[in-house]
Amino acid sequence: MKALYFTKHGDLSVIQYGEVPRPRPGFEEVLIRVAACAINRLDIWVRRGWPGLNLEMPHWCGADVAGEIAELGEGVSGWQKGQRVVVDPGITTLEDEFVRRGEISVSPGYRILGEHTRGGGWRICSCSSEKSACYAGFSGICDRCRAATGQPYCLAYAYAPCKASSR
């Protein structure tokens, strides 16, 4: 597929346009045909890079994604091809005390779509099929507006319990 990508960190001059490998859905993953992807400050930071950030190259950014399910990976249930979704960019890679308490963003296994993995900024992306990773809601809102809910929704979801409890 064609995409904007980079093969090394740097300023805007590192961005290229061309063919990149088309993602395939893994076990319990869905492939999303991206209708809209919001660009935010994280995308700039990732392109610029920082010590310790080791990405598979070529890399393309994009954490806040809305679109429709294009393909179902093995083991996926509860989703249908063609279903419109908003993707939660937060990825959990381990089950630990933080995840069990619902504080996934402080888990050492926490990753972000478009930062630690290739993102959804360009046509197709692969993500977890867990109900916590894809949302079928926001159906009455345009794709661009749905994409803009990604990281802000994660922050609101993560911090709402802090205000509502004694923590």
C-alpha atoms as a PDB file:
ATOM      1  CA  MET A   1       0.000   0.000   0.000  1.00  0.00           C
ATOM      2  CA  LYS A   2       1.084   3.619  -0.444  1.00  0.00           C
ATOM      3  CA  ALA A   3       1.854   5.635   2.678  1.00  0.00           C
ATOM      4  CA  LEU A   4       3.724   8.558   4.165  1.00  0.00           C
ATOM      5  CA  TYR A   5       6.476   7.041   6.291  1.00  0.00           C
ATOM      6  CA  PHE A   6       9.981   7.559   7.601  1.00  0.00           C
ATOM      7  CA  THR A   7      12.997   5.254   7.796  1.00  0.00           C
ATOM      8  CA  LYS A   8      14.948   7.358  10.305  1.00  0.00           C
ATOM      9  CA  HIS A   9      14.092   9.990  12.888  1.00  0.00           C
ATOM     10  CA  GLY A  10      14.444  13.679  12.087  1.00  0.00           C
ATOM     11  CA  ASP A  11      12.700  16.808  10.842  1.00  0.00           C
ATOM     12  CA  LEU A  12      10.049  16.954   8.102  1.00  0.00           C
ATOM     13  CA  SER A  13      12.654  16.111   5.449  1.00  0.00           C
ATOM     14  CA  VAL A  14      12.736  12.435   6.600  1.00  0.00           C
ATOM     15  CA  ILE A  15       9.121  11.849   5.503  1.00  0.00           C
ATOM     16  CA  GLN A  16       8.785   9.845   2.295  1.00  0.00           C
ATOM     17  CA  TYR A  17       5.845   8.677   0.181  1.00  0.00           C
ATOM     18  CA  GLY A  18       5.827   5.222  -1.355  1.00  0.00           C
ATOM     19  CA  GLU A  19       5.058   1.533  -0.965  1.00  0.00           C
ATOM     20  CA  VAL A  20       5.076  -0.021   2.515  1.00  0.00           C
ATOM     21  CA  PRO A  21       4.121  -3.520   3.682  1.00  0.00           C
ATOM     22  CA  ARG A  22       0.362  -3.980   4.064  1.00  0.00           C
ATOM     23  CA  PRO A  23      -0.472  -5.009   7.636  1.00  0.00           C
ATOM     24  CA  ARG A  24      -2.094  -8.370   8.284  1.00  0.00           C
ATOM     25  CA  PRO A  25      -4.303  -9.024  11.295  1.00  0.00           C
ATOM     26  CA  GLY A  26      -2.683 -11.274  13.889  1.00  0.00           C
ATOM     27  CA  PHE A  27      -4.432 -13.574  16.328  1.00  0.00           C
ATOM     28  CA  GLU A  28      -7.436 -11.773  17.885  1.00  0.00           C
ATOM     29  CA  GLU A  29      -6.731  -8.650  15.815  1.00  0.00           C
ATOM     30  CA  VAL A  30      -8.827  -6.789  13.275  1.00  0.00           C
ATOM     31  CA  LEU A  31      -7.612  -4.898  10.232  1.00  0.00           C
ATOM     32  CA  ILE A  32      -9.103  -1.407  10.037  1.00  0.00           C
ATOM     33  CA  ARG A  33      -9.688   0.433   6.758  1.00  0.00           C
ATOM     34  CA  VAL A  34      -8.877   3.914   8.008  1.00  0.00           C
ATOM     35  CA  ALA A  35     -11.418   6.611   7.127  1.00  0.00           C
ATOM     36  CA  ALA A  36      -9.838   9.314   9.296  1.00  0.00           C
ATOM     37  CA  CYS A  37      -6.836   9.689  11.555  1.00  0.00           C
ATOM     38  CA  ALA A  38      -6.211  12.738  13.732  1.00  0.00           C
ATOM     39  CA  ILE A  39      -2.673  14.099  13.805  1.00  0.00           C
ATOM     40  CA  ASN A  40      -1.399  15.208  17.176  1.00  0.00           C
ATOM     41  CA  ARG A  41       1.789  16.189  18.972  1.00  0.00           C
ATOM     42  CA  LEU A  42       2.729  12.540  19.595  1.00  0.00           C
ATOM     43  CA  ASP A  43       3.200  12.044  15.841  1.00  0.00           C
ATOM     44  CA  ILE A  44       5.763  14.861  15.735  1.00  0.00           C
ATOM     45  CA  TRP A  45       7.635  13.506  18.766  1.00  0.00           C
ATOM     46  CA  VAL A  46       7.771  10.004  17.280  1.00  0.00           C
ATOM     47  CA  ARG A  47       9.043  11.298  13.936  1.00  0.00           C
ATOM     48  CA  ARG A  48      11.747  13.314  15.699  1.00  0.00           C
ATOM     49  CA  GLY A  49      12.612  10.375  17.975  1.00  0.00           C
ATOM     50  CA  TRP A  50      14.310  10.257  21.379  1.00  0.00           C
ATOM     51  CA  PRO A  51      16.953   8.083  23.043  1.00  0.00           C
ATOM     52  CA  GLY A  52      15.592   4.590  23.663  1.00  0.00           C
ATOM     53  CA  LEU A  53      12.793   4.732  21.073  1.00  0.00           C
ATOM     54  CA  ASN A  54      13.479   1.772  18.799  1.00  0.00           C
ATOM     55  CA  LEU A  55      10.910   1.363  16.042  1.00  0.00           C
ATOM     56  CA  GLU A  56      10.497  -1.116  13.236  1.00  0.00           C
ATOM     57  CA  MET A  57      11.232   0.857  10.081  1.00  0.00           C
ATOM     58  CA  PRO A  58       9.689   1.994   7.876  1.00  0.00           C
ATOM     59  CA  HIS A  59       7.369   3.553  10.438  1.00  0.00           C
ATOM     60  CA  TRP A  60       4.154   5.506  10.036  1.00  0.00           C
ATOM     61  CA  CYS A  61       2.399   7.331  12.851  1.00  0.00           C
ATOM     62  CA  GLY A  62      -1.259   7.812  13.727  1.00  0.00           C
ATOM     63  CA  ALA A  63      -2.789   6.950  17.093  1.00  0.00           C
ATOM     64  CA  ASP A  64      -6.318   8.335  16.763  1.00  0.00           C
ATOM     65  CA  VAL A  65      -8.115   6.215  14.178  1.00  0.00           C
ATOM     66  CA  ALA A  66     -11.691   5.810  12.953  1.00  0.00           C
ATOM     67  CA  GLY A  67     -12.779   3.553  10.127  1.00  0.00           C
ATOM     68  CA  GLU A  68     -14.341   0.208   9.399  1.00  0.00           C
ATOM     69  CA  ILE A  69     -13.265  -3.360   9.929  1.00  0.00           C
ATOM     70  CA  ALA A  70     -11.776  -4.684   6.692  1.00  0.00           C
ATOM     71  CA  GLU A  71     -10.607  -8.099   7.848  1.00  0.00           C
ATOM     72  CA  LEU A  72     -10.914 -10.330  10.911  1.00  0.00           C
ATOM     73  CA  GLY A  73      -7.899 -12.184  12.278  1.00  0.00           C
ATOM     74  CA  GLU A  74      -8.057 -15.694  13.655  1.00  0.00           C
ATOM     75  CA  GLY A  75      -9.833 -15.960  17.001  1.00  0.00           C
ATOM     76  CA  VAL A  76     -11.873 -12.755  16.602  1.00  0.00           C
ATOM     77  CA  SER A  77     -15.460 -12.833  17.827  1.00  0.00           C
ATOM     78  CA  GLY A  78     -18.074 -10.149  18.383  1.00  0.00           C
ATOM     79  CA  TRP A  79     -17.055  -8.045  15.364  1.00  0.00           C
ATOM     80  CA  GLN A  80     -18.140  -7.992  11.730  1.00  0.00           C
ATOM     81  CA  LYS A  81     -16.455  -6.988   8.516  1.00  0.00           C
ATOM     82  CA  GLY A  82     -17.707  -3.516   7.548  1.00  0.00           C
ATOM     83  CA  GLN A  83     -18.482  -2.480  11.142  1.00  0.00           C
ATOM     84  CA  ARG A  84     -17.538   1.157  11.841  1.00  0.00           C
ATOM     85  CA  VAL A  85     -15.186   1.587  14.793  1.00  0.00           C
ATOM     86  CA  VAL A  86     -13.039   4.015  16.759  1.00  0.00           C
ATOM     87  CA  VAL A  87      -9.721   2.559  17.916  1.00  0.00           C
ATOM     88  CA  ASP A  88      -8.363   2.952  21.444  1.00  0.00           C
ATOM     89  CA  PRO A  89      -4.658   3.691  20.811  1.00  0.00           C
ATOM     90  CA  GLY A  90      -3.607   2.234  24.187  1.00  0.00           C
ATOM     91  CA  ILE A  91      -2.208  -1.283  23.858  1.00  0.00           C
ATOM     92  CA  THR A  92      -1.617  -3.605  26.807  1.00  0.00           C
ATOM     93  CA  THR A  93       1.042  -6.256  26.320  1.00  0.00           C
ATOM     94  CA  LEU A  94       0.981  -7.816  29.776  1.00  0.00           C
ATOM     95  CA  GLU A  95      -1.392  -8.674  32.561  1.00  0.00           C
ATOM     96  CA  ASP A  96      -0.032  -7.060  35.720  1.00  0.00           C
ATOM     97  CA  GLU A  97      -1.258  -5.298  38.871  1.00  0.00           C
ATOM     98  CA  PHE A  98      -1.782  -2.008  36.994  1.00  0.00           C
ATOM     99  CA  VAL A  99      -3.892  -3.601  34.256  1.00  0.00           C
ATOM    100  CA  ARG A 100      -5.965  -5.481  36.853  1.00  0.00           C
ATOM    101  CA  ARG A 101      -6.666  -2.158  38.615  1.00  0.00           C
ATOM    102  CA  GLY A 102      -7.631  -0.488  35.332  1.00  0.00           C
ATOM    103  CA  GLU A 103      -4.520   1.715  35.256  1.00  0.00           C
ATOM    104  CA  ILE A 104      -3.137   0.353  31.992  1.00  0.00           C
ATOM    105  CA  SER A 105      -1.226   3.499  31.031  1.00  0.00           C
ATOM    106  CA  VAL A 106       1.221   3.040  33.942  1.00  0.00           C
ATOM    107  CA  SER A 107       1.885  -0.639  33.216  1.00  0.00           C
ATOM    108  CA  PRO A 108       5.425  -1.386  31.964  1.00  0.00           C
ATOM    109  CA  GLY A 109       3.705  -3.266  29.120  1.00  0.00           C
ATOM    110  CA  TYR A 110       1.699  -0.246  27.916  1.00  0.00           C
ATOM    111  CA  ARG A 111       2.201   0.738  24.264  1.00  0.00           C
ATOM    112  CA  ILE A 112       0.563   3.304  21.982  1.00  0.00           C
ATOM    113  CA  LEU A 113      -0.595   2.725  18.415  1.00  0.00           C
ATOM    114  CA  GLY A 114       1.543   4.906  16.146  1.00  0.00           C
ATOM    115  CA  GLU A 115       4.282   5.300  18.743  1.00  0.00           C
ATOM    116  CA  HIS A 116       5.500   1.831  19.681  1.00  0.00           C
ATOM    117  CA  THR A 117       3.796   0.115  16.731  1.00  0.00           C
ATOM    118  CA  ARG A 118       2.967   1.229  13.209  1.00  0.00           C
ATOM    119  CA  GLY A 119      -0.025   3.505  13.340  1.00  0.00           C
ATOM    120  CA  GLY A 120      -3.263   4.081  11.539  1.00  0.00           C
ATOM    121  CA  GLY A 121      -2.386   7.251   9.704  1.00  0.00           C
ATOM    122  CA  TRP A 122      -2.403   5.652   6.278  1.00  0.00           C
ATOM    123  CA  ARG A 123      -5.264   3.596   4.852  1.00  0.00           C
ATOM    124  CA  ILE A 124      -5.013   0.322   6.838  1.00  0.00           C
ATOM    125  CA  CYS A 125      -3.996  -0.561  10.398  1.00  0.00           C
ATOM    126  CA  SER A 126      -4.102  -3.632  12.584  1.00  0.00           C
ATOM    127  CA  CYS A 127      -5.277  -3.527  16.201  1.00  0.00           C
ATOM    128  CA  SER A 128      -6.564  -5.718  19.008  1.00  0.00           C
ATOM    129  CA  SER A 129     -10.149  -6.923  18.705  1.00  0.00           C
ATOM    130  CA  GLU A 130     -10.778  -6.667  22.452  1.00  0.00           C
ATOM    131  CA  LYS A 131     -13.815  -4.584  23.338  1.00  0.00           C
ATOM    132  CA  SER A 132     -11.472  -2.249  25.223  1.00  0.00           C
ATOM    133  CA  ALA A 133      -9.460  -1.573  22.049  1.00  0.00           C
ATOM    134  CA  CYS A 134     -12.229  -0.962  19.505  1.00  0.00           C
ATOM    135  CA  TYR A 135     -15.440   0.936  20.076  1.00  0.00           C
ATOM    136  CA  ALA A 136     -18.503   0.567  17.913  1.00  0.00           C
ATOM    137  CA  GLY A 137     -20.018   3.714  19.404  1.00  0.00           C
ATOM    138  CA  PHE A 138     -20.053   7.253  18.087  1.00  0.00           C
ATOM    139  CA  SER A 139     -22.141   5.983  15.150  1.00  0.00           C
ATOM    140  CA  GLY A 140     -23.897   9.291  14.511  1.00  0.00           C
ATOM    141  CA  ILE A 141     -20.644  11.241  14.259  1.00  0.00           C
ATOM    142  CA  CYS A 142     -18.558  11.747  11.102  1.00  0.00           C
ATOM    143  CA  ASP A 143     -15.298   9.760  10.800  1.00  0.00           C
ATOM    144  CA  ARG A 144     -13.101  12.834  11.287  1.00  0.00           C
ATOM    145  CA  CYS A 145     -14.836  13.662  14.553  1.00  0.00           C
ATOM    146  CA  ARG A 146     -14.686  10.038  15.695  1.00  0.00           C
ATOM    147  CA  ALA A 147     -10.925   9.905  15.014  1.00  0.00           C
ATOM    148  CA  ALA A 148     -10.412  12.995  17.165  1.00  0.00           C
ATOM    149  CA  THR A 149     -11.814  11.152  20.203  1.00  0.00           C
ATOM    150  CA  GLY A 150      -8.948   8.612  20.441  1.00  0.00           C
ATOM    151  CA  GLN A 151      -6.378   9.860  22.949  1.00  0.00           C
ATOM    152  CA  PRO A 152      -8.683  12.395  24.651  1.00  0.00           C
ATOM    153  CA  TYR A 153     -11.163   9.572  25.342  1.00  0.00           C
ATOM    154  CA  CYS A 154      -8.353   7.412  26.789  1.00  0.00           C
ATOM    155  CA  LEU A 155      -7.290  10.224  29.112  1.00  0.00           C
ATOM    156  CA  ALA A 156     -10.843  10.924  30.243  1.00  0.00           C
ATOM    157  CA  TYR A 157     -11.460   7.219  30.834  1.00  0.00           C
ATOM    158  CA  ALA A 158      -8.182   6.804  32.734  1.00  0.00           C
ATOM    159  CA  TYR A 159      -8.578   9.829  35.003  1.00  0.00           C
ATOM    160  CA  ALA A 160     -12.327   9.827  35.696  1.00  0.00           C
ATOM    161  CA  PRO A 161     -11.986   7.247  38.507  1.00  0.00           C
ATOM    162  CA  CYS A 162      -9.315   9.445  40.179  1.00  0.00           C
ATOM    163  CA  LYS A 163     -11.817  12.275  40.591  1.00  0.00           C
ATOM    164  CA  ALA A 164     -14.631   9.933  41.586  1.00  0.00           C
ATOM    165  CA  SER A 165     -12.746   8.011  44.281  1.00  0.00           C
ATOM    166  CA  SER A 166     -10.466   8.710  47.206  1.00  0.00           C
ATOM    167  CA  ARG A 167      -7.300   7.930  45.187  1.00  0.00           C
END
